[in-house]
Amino acid sequence: MKQVIFHEVGLPQEVLKYEETDIPQPKPHEVRIKVTARNINPSDIMFIRGMYGITPKLPSSAGFEAVGIVDAMDEKETLALGTKVIFTALGTWKEYVTVPVQSVISIPEELPDAVACQAFVNPLTAYAMLETSGLEEGDWLLVTAGASAFGKLVIQMANQKGIKVACTVRREEQKEVLISLGASLVINTEKEKLQKVIMEKTGEGVAVVFDAVGGILGAKALACLKNNGKMMVFGLLSLENIPLNSGLLIFKNLKIEGFWLTSYMESINHEQREIAFKTVLSHLLSEKVKVDVQAIYPLNEFLEAIKEYEKGGRNGKVILVS
């Protein structure tokens, strides 16, 4: 089979290789999946660069999330051959993957691959962060990097709960898109002062911040919290840590906590996981929540796909198909 692999960490354009290897054989508790599509996430790029929370065991394939078809069953024949599934794994930029059968989710055939391969990480993270945030109808939420795939999902899901969403962008043309999805307020941080606009529009600040950026923007977002507010940090797009204002934390009684989907999924029971998956898949199937696709490339054109991914102003996911 073909796979995209790296033997050392570094910039994707410099370390990724397209190689031939043997098709993996599943263990008794595993299924083998013929991967049909996978999307490029920020975590994928950070993993290749050796900057993610999980250290690559070299050589390693890239990618954490994908959709595919069951090609070989586990010993209990839990899932039939040909079942369409979504899953996460360490290395999905390959034609075949073996994963524990308990970690795959069967999905309806009618869910397109370009949507299905996005149905795990970002939608579930958006769902889980809203569920654990403590936000209620009428509360204000601030989302940094609002035009990201995650940001768009949160806007749509929060809107259904009556939560008012403010979000940051860096391009004026992104404002209209986010307003159309249900954002109540969009701030272009290249032209506007974030804290000033937030205080003018909300009166006292926001109840919760979902921060994907870190760095200076993360610090500015923290200053937008009202008393007893909370920042949930789940990304570091700026590759810079947040410079914390201790006075803000003390005198406004603010809280900062990290969020990682893996930890969340491990903390909930089977019934809660079932509810989460059913809710997300229902949203995507009914198109109450929509995801965007920027471009689709075959797996062997991964370098062109990465160039597309790195373009400024991108409005959708870049997909790699087999």
Protein backbone atom coordinates (compact mmCIF):
# COMPACT_ATOMS: atom_id res chain seq x y z
CA MET A 1 0.00 0.00 0.00
CA LYS A 2 0.97 3.65 -0.32
CA GLN A 3 1.48 5.93 2.67
CA VAL A 4 2.70 9.42 3.50
CA ILE A 5 5.37 9.05 6.17
CA PHE A 6 8.10 11.04 7.92
CA HIS A 7 11.36 9.69 9.36
CA GLU A 8 12.20 12.89 11.23
CA VAL A 9 10.15 15.81 12.53
CA GLY A 10 10.23 19.10 10.67
CA LEU A 11 8.37 21.18 8.13
CA PRO A 12 5.92 18.94 6.22
CA GLN A 13 7.29 20.00 2.82
CA GLU A 14 10.76 18.88 3.87
CA VAL A 15 10.19 15.64 5.78
CA LEU A 16 7.10 13.94 4.30
CA LYS A 17 7.69 11.09 1.86
CA TYR A 18 5.35 8.99 -0.30
CA GLU A 19 6.36 5.36 0.19
CA GLU A 20 5.24 1.80 -0.49
CA THR A 21 4.77 -0.61 2.43
CA ASP A 22 2.95 -3.83 3.31
CA ILE A 23 -0.78 -3.81 4.00
CA PRO A 24 -1.15 -4.12 7.82
CA GLN A 25 -2.73 -7.21 9.35
CA PRO A 26 -5.27 -6.57 12.14
CA LYS A 27 -4.91 -8.05 15.63
CA PRO A 28 -7.88 -10.05 17.00
CA HIS A 29 -9.48 -6.95 18.58
CA GLU A 30 -8.88 -4.74 15.53
CA VAL A 31 -10.50 -4.04 12.19
CA ARG A 32 -8.65 -3.08 9.05
CA ILE A 33 -10.03 -0.03 7.28
CA LYS A 34 -9.53 0.95 3.67
CA VAL A 35 -9.24 4.70 4.11
CA THR A 36 -11.22 6.74 1.59
CA ALA A 37 -10.72 10.32 2.85
CA ARG A 38 -8.94 12.30 5.52
CA ASN A 39 -8.77 16.06 6.20
CA ILE A 40 -5.78 18.18 7.16
CA ASN A 41 -6.06 19.62 10.67
CA PRO A 42 -3.69 22.00 12.50
CA SER A 43 -2.85 19.16 14.90
CA ASP A 44 -1.60 17.09 11.93
CA ILE A 45 0.92 19.77 10.97
CA MET A 46 2.05 20.31 14.57
CA PHE A 47 2.52 16.53 14.97
CA ILE A 48 4.76 16.38 11.89
CA ARG A 49 6.78 19.29 13.26
CA GLY A 50 7.15 17.61 16.67
CA MET A 51 5.17 20.38 18.37
CA TYR A 52 2.04 18.46 19.38
CA GLY A 53 1.19 16.91 22.75
CA ILE A 54 1.86 13.43 21.34
CA THR A 55 5.44 12.65 20.34
CA PRO A 56 5.75 10.78 17.02
CA LYS A 57 7.24 7.30 17.15
CA LEU A 58 9.42 7.48 14.06
CA PRO A 59 8.96 6.63 11.30
CA SER A 60 5.34 7.76 11.47
CA SER A 61 2.47 8.50 9.14
CA ALA A 62 0.68 11.82 9.46
CA GLY A 63 -2.98 12.51 10.22
CA PHE A 64 -5.34 11.71 13.09
CA GLU A 65 -8.82 11.58 11.54
CA ALA A 66 -10.39 9.75 8.59
CA VAL A 67 -13.32 7.88 7.05
CA GLY A 68 -13.16 4.50 5.38
CA ILE A 69 -14.64 1.06 4.79
CA VAL A 70 -14.11 -2.02 6.96
CA ASP A 71 -11.83 -4.26 4.89
CA ALA A 72 -11.10 -6.99 7.48
CA MET A 73 -13.15 -7.84 10.57
CA ASP A 74 -12.11 -8.34 14.18
CA GLU A 75 -12.32 -11.89 15.61
CA LYS A 76 -15.83 -11.29 16.98
CA GLU A 77 -17.01 -9.94 13.62
CA THR A 78 -18.39 -6.86 15.37
CA LEU A 79 -18.64 -4.85 12.15
CA ALA A 80 -19.47 -6.36 8.77
CA LEU A 81 -17.18 -6.03 5.79
CA GLY A 82 -18.00 -2.88 3.85
CA THR A 83 -19.29 -0.93 6.87
CA LYS A 84 -18.58 2.78 6.51
CA VAL A 85 -16.82 4.15 9.59
CA ILE A 86 -15.12 7.22 10.99
CA PHE A 87 -12.20 6.94 13.39
CA THR A 88 -9.11 8.56 14.84
CA ALA A 89 -5.68 6.95 14.78
CA LEU A 90 -1.99 7.85 14.88
CA GLY A 91 -1.34 8.08 11.15
CA THR A 92 -4.23 8.15 8.69
CA TRP A 93 -2.40 9.38 5.58
CA LYS A 94 -2.16 5.84 4.24
CA GLU A 95 -4.37 3.52 2.22
CA TYR A 96 -5.06 1.00 5.02
CA VAL A 97 -5.18 1.40 8.80
CA THR A 98 -5.79 -1.10 11.62
CA VAL A 99 -7.57 0.21 14.72
CA PRO A 100 -9.36 -1.31 17.74
CA VAL A 101 -12.96 -2.05 16.78
CA GLN A 102 -14.22 -0.22 19.89
CA SER A 103 -12.73 3.04 18.63
CA VAL A 104 -14.54 3.19 15.27
CA ILE A 105 -17.98 4.66 14.67
CA SER A 106 -20.25 3.27 11.96
CA ILE A 107 -21.96 6.00 9.95
CA PRO A 108 -24.70 6.20 7.31
CA GLU A 109 -23.63 5.55 3.73
CA GLU A 110 -25.28 8.77 2.59
CA LEU A 111 -22.89 10.96 4.58
CA PRO A 112 -20.38 12.15 1.95
CA ASP A 113 -16.73 11.24 2.55
CA ALA A 114 -15.65 14.90 2.44
CA VAL A 115 -18.04 15.58 5.33
CA ALA A 116 -17.56 12.30 7.17
CA CYS A 117 -13.78 12.70 7.41
CA GLN A 118 -14.43 15.93 9.34
CA ALA A 119 -17.08 14.43 11.61
CA PHE A 120 -14.88 13.41 14.51
CA VAL A 121 -12.37 15.94 15.81
CA ASN A 122 -13.85 19.40 15.24
CA PRO A 123 -17.60 18.64 15.60
CA LEU A 124 -17.07 16.55 18.73
CA THR A 125 -14.72 19.14 20.21
CA ALA A 126 -17.29 21.87 19.58
CA TYR A 127 -20.06 19.74 21.08
CA ALA A 128 -17.98 18.75 24.12
CA MET A 129 -16.69 22.25 24.87
CA LEU A 130 -20.21 23.68 24.75
CA GLU A 131 -21.46 20.86 27.00
CA THR A 132 -18.74 21.41 29.61
CA SER A 133 -18.54 25.21 29.41
CA GLY A 134 -21.48 25.92 31.71
CA LEU A 135 -22.90 28.33 29.12
CA GLU A 136 -26.64 28.90 29.20
CA GLU A 137 -29.13 30.53 26.87
CA GLY A 138 -28.43 34.26 26.58
CA ASP A 139 -24.79 34.00 27.69
CA TRP A 140 -21.95 35.45 25.62
CA LEU A 141 -19.15 33.24 24.26
CA LEU A 142 -16.00 34.58 22.58
CA VAL A 143 -14.28 32.30 20.03
CA THR A 144 -10.83 33.18 18.71
CA ALA A 145 -10.10 32.18 15.08
CA GLY A 146 -13.81 32.30 14.40
CA ALA A 147 -13.44 31.59 10.68
CA SER A 148 -11.74 28.23 11.35
CA ALA A 149 -13.66 24.98 10.81
CA PHE A 150 -14.04 24.66 14.58
CA GLY A 151 -15.19 28.26 14.94
CA LYS A 152 -17.91 27.83 12.32
CA LEU A 153 -19.16 24.67 14.02
CA VAL A 154 -19.30 26.32 17.45
CA ILE A 155 -21.22 29.28 16.04
CA GLN A 156 -23.85 26.98 14.53
CA MET A 157 -24.16 24.70 17.57
CA ALA A 158 -24.22 27.57 20.07
CA ASN A 159 -26.85 29.36 18.01
CA GLN A 160 -29.16 26.37 18.44
CA LYS A 161 -28.79 26.70 22.22
CA GLY A 162 -29.49 30.45 22.25
CA ILE A 163 -25.89 31.27 23.20
CA LYS A 164 -24.61 34.54 21.74
CA VAL A 165 -21.26 34.18 19.97
CA ALA A 166 -18.62 36.82 19.42
CA CYS A 167 -15.61 35.80 17.38
CA THR A 168 -12.35 37.15 16.05
CA VAL A 169 -11.18 37.23 12.44
CA ARG A 170 -8.27 38.84 10.61
CA ARG A 171 -9.99 39.53 7.28
CA GLU A 172 -12.96 41.83 6.72
CA GLU A 173 -14.57 39.51 4.15
CA GLN A 174 -14.90 36.78 6.79
CA LYS A 175 -17.36 38.83 8.83
CA GLU A 176 -20.33 38.33 6.53
CA VAL A 177 -19.80 34.56 6.39
CA LEU A 178 -19.81 34.20 10.17
CA ILE A 179 -22.79 36.49 10.66
CA SER A 180 -24.71 34.34 8.16
CA LEU A 181 -23.92 31.28 10.30
CA GLY A 182 -25.39 32.93 13.39
CA ALA A 183 -22.56 34.89 15.01
CA SER A 184 -23.85 37.86 16.99
CA LEU A 185 -20.61 39.83 16.78
CA VAL A 186 -17.48 39.52 14.63
CA ILE A 187 -14.36 41.57 15.40
CA ASN A 188 -11.53 42.07 12.90
CA THR A 189 -8.56 42.21 15.26
CA GLU A 190 -6.38 43.71 12.51
CA LYS A 191 -8.55 46.86 12.55
CA GLU A 192 -10.52 46.87 15.81
CA LYS A 193 -9.60 46.74 19.50
CA LEU A 194 -11.02 43.48 20.77
CA GLN A 195 -11.65 44.36 24.41
CA LYS A 196 -13.14 47.77 23.55
CA VAL A 197 -15.67 46.29 21.10
CA ILE A 198 -16.57 43.41 23.43
CA MET A 199 -17.25 45.70 26.37
CA GLU A 200 -19.28 48.11 24.24
CA LYS A 201 -21.48 45.35 22.82
CA THR A 202 -21.85 43.04 25.84
CA GLY A 203 -21.76 45.53 28.70
CA GLU A 204 -19.72 43.47 31.16
CA GLY A 205 -17.76 41.04 29.02
CA VAL A 206 -18.24 37.44 27.94
CA ALA A 207 -18.90 34.46 30.21
CA VAL A 208 -16.55 32.06 28.43
CA VAL A 209 -13.71 32.19 25.89
CA PHE A 210 -12.78 29.29 23.60
CA ASP A 211 -9.18 30.04 22.61
CA ALA A 212 -7.44 28.29 19.74
CA VAL A 213 -4.71 30.87 19.16
CA GLY A 214 -2.76 31.63 22.34
CA GLY A 215 -0.12 34.36 22.32
CA ILE A 216 -1.09 38.03 22.45
CA LEU A 217 -4.58 37.38 21.07
CA GLY A 218 -5.18 34.86 23.84
CA ALA A 219 -4.21 37.49 26.42
CA LYS A 220 -6.56 40.04 24.83
CA ALA A 221 -9.36 37.47 24.82
CA LEU A 222 -8.76 36.75 28.52
CA ALA A 223 -9.26 40.46 29.25
CA CYS A 224 -12.72 40.22 27.63
CA LEU A 225 -14.07 37.91 30.34
CA LYS A 226 -16.54 39.24 32.86
CA ASN A 227 -16.14 38.56 36.59
CA ASN A 228 -16.05 34.81 37.37
CA GLY A 229 -15.52 34.07 33.67
CA LYS A 230 -13.64 31.11 32.22
CA MET A 231 -11.22 30.62 29.35
CA MET A 232 -11.02 27.16 27.76
CA VAL A 233 -7.74 26.72 25.86
CA PHE A 234 -7.70 24.02 23.18
CA GLY A 235 -5.18 25.18 20.58
CA LEU A 236 -2.02 27.17 19.93
CA LEU A 237 -2.23 28.39 16.35
CA SER A 238 0.15 31.27 17.07
CA LEU A 239 2.72 28.80 18.46
CA GLU A 240 3.16 31.26 21.34
CA ASN A 241 2.08 30.82 24.96
CA ILE A 242 -0.42 33.25 26.49
CA PRO A 243 1.24 36.01 28.58
CA LEU A 244 -1.01 35.94 31.63
CA ASN A 245 -2.15 39.02 33.56
CA SER A 246 -2.14 37.80 37.15
CA GLY A 247 -4.12 40.82 38.34
CA LEU A 248 -7.01 39.92 36.03
CA LEU A 249 -7.08 36.37 37.33
CA ILE A 250 -7.07 37.51 40.95
CA PHE A 251 -9.44 40.45 40.99
CA LYS A 252 -11.97 39.16 38.44
CA ASN A 253 -11.80 35.60 39.82
CA LEU A 254 -11.11 34.16 36.37
CA LYS A 255 -10.41 30.55 35.55
CA ILE A 256 -8.29 29.07 32.74
CA GLU A 257 -8.49 25.40 31.84
CA GLY A 258 -7.21 23.26 29.02
CA PHE A 259 -9.38 21.09 26.79
CA TRP A 260 -8.27 18.04 24.80
CA LEU A 261 -10.86 15.85 23.08
CA THR A 262 -8.96 12.65 23.92
CA SER A 263 -9.14 13.40 27.65
CA TYR A 264 -12.82 14.33 27.39
CA MET A 265 -13.74 11.09 25.59
CA GLU A 266 -11.90 9.08 28.24
CA SER A 267 -13.77 10.90 31.02
CA ILE A 268 -17.32 10.12 29.85
CA ASN A 269 -19.20 6.83 29.91
CA HIS A 270 -20.48 4.74 26.99
CA GLU A 271 -23.95 6.27 27.08
CA GLN A 272 -22.56 9.82 27.02
CA ARG A 273 -20.32 8.92 24.07
CA GLU A 274 -23.29 7.49 22.19
CA ILE A 275 -25.28 10.68 22.77
CA ALA A 276 -22.35 12.82 21.61
CA PHE A 277 -21.85 10.86 18.37
CA LYS A 278 -25.57 10.66 17.60
CA THR A 279 -25.98 14.41 18.17
CA VAL A 280 -23.06 15.33 15.93
CA LEU A 281 -24.01 12.92 13.14
CA SER A 282 -27.63 14.08 13.28
CA HIS A 283 -26.50 17.70 12.89
CA LEU A 284 -24.32 16.84 9.89
CA LEU A 285 -26.88 14.59 8.17
CA SER A 286 -29.70 17.12 8.56
CA GLU A 287 -27.33 19.94 7.57
CA LYS A 288 -28.36 21.88 10.66
CA VAL A 289 -24.61 22.16 11.02
CA LYS A 290 -22.54 22.43 7.84
CA VAL A 291 -18.84 21.95 7.19
CA ASP A 292 -16.91 23.52 4.33
CA VAL A 293 -14.52 21.95 1.84
CA GLN A 294 -11.85 24.10 0.21
CA ALA A 295 -10.25 21.51 -2.06
CA ILE A 296 -9.83 17.76 -2.61
CA TYR A 297 -6.53 16.12 -3.62
CA PRO A 298 -5.47 12.50 -4.16
CA LEU A 299 -3.14 11.19 -1.46
CA ASN A 300 -0.09 11.24 -3.75
CA GLU A 301 -0.55 15.02 -4.21
CA PHE A 302 -0.10 15.68 -0.49
CA LEU A 303 2.45 18.45 -1.07
CA GLU A 304 0.00 20.39 -3.25
CA ALA A 305 -2.68 19.80 -0.60
CA ILE A 306 -0.44 21.24 2.11
CA LYS A 307 0.23 24.32 -0.04
CA GLU A 308 -3.54 24.78 -0.36
CA TYR A 309 -3.96 24.27 3.39
CA GLU A 310 -1.43 27.03 4.11
CA LYS A 311 -3.12 29.63 1.90
CA GLY A 312 -4.33 32.72 3.72
CA GLY A 313 -8.07 33.26 3.80
CA ARG A 314 -8.92 29.59 3.29
CA ASN A 315 -12.62 28.96 3.99
CA GLY A 316 -12.82 25.18 4.20
CA LYS A 317 -10.96 21.96 4.85
CA VAL A 318 -8.44 20.45 2.47
CA ILE A 319 -9.22 16.77 1.90
CA LEU A 320 -6.90 13.92 0.86
CA VAL A 321 -8.66 11.00 -0.84
CA SER A 322 -7.48 7.52 -1.77
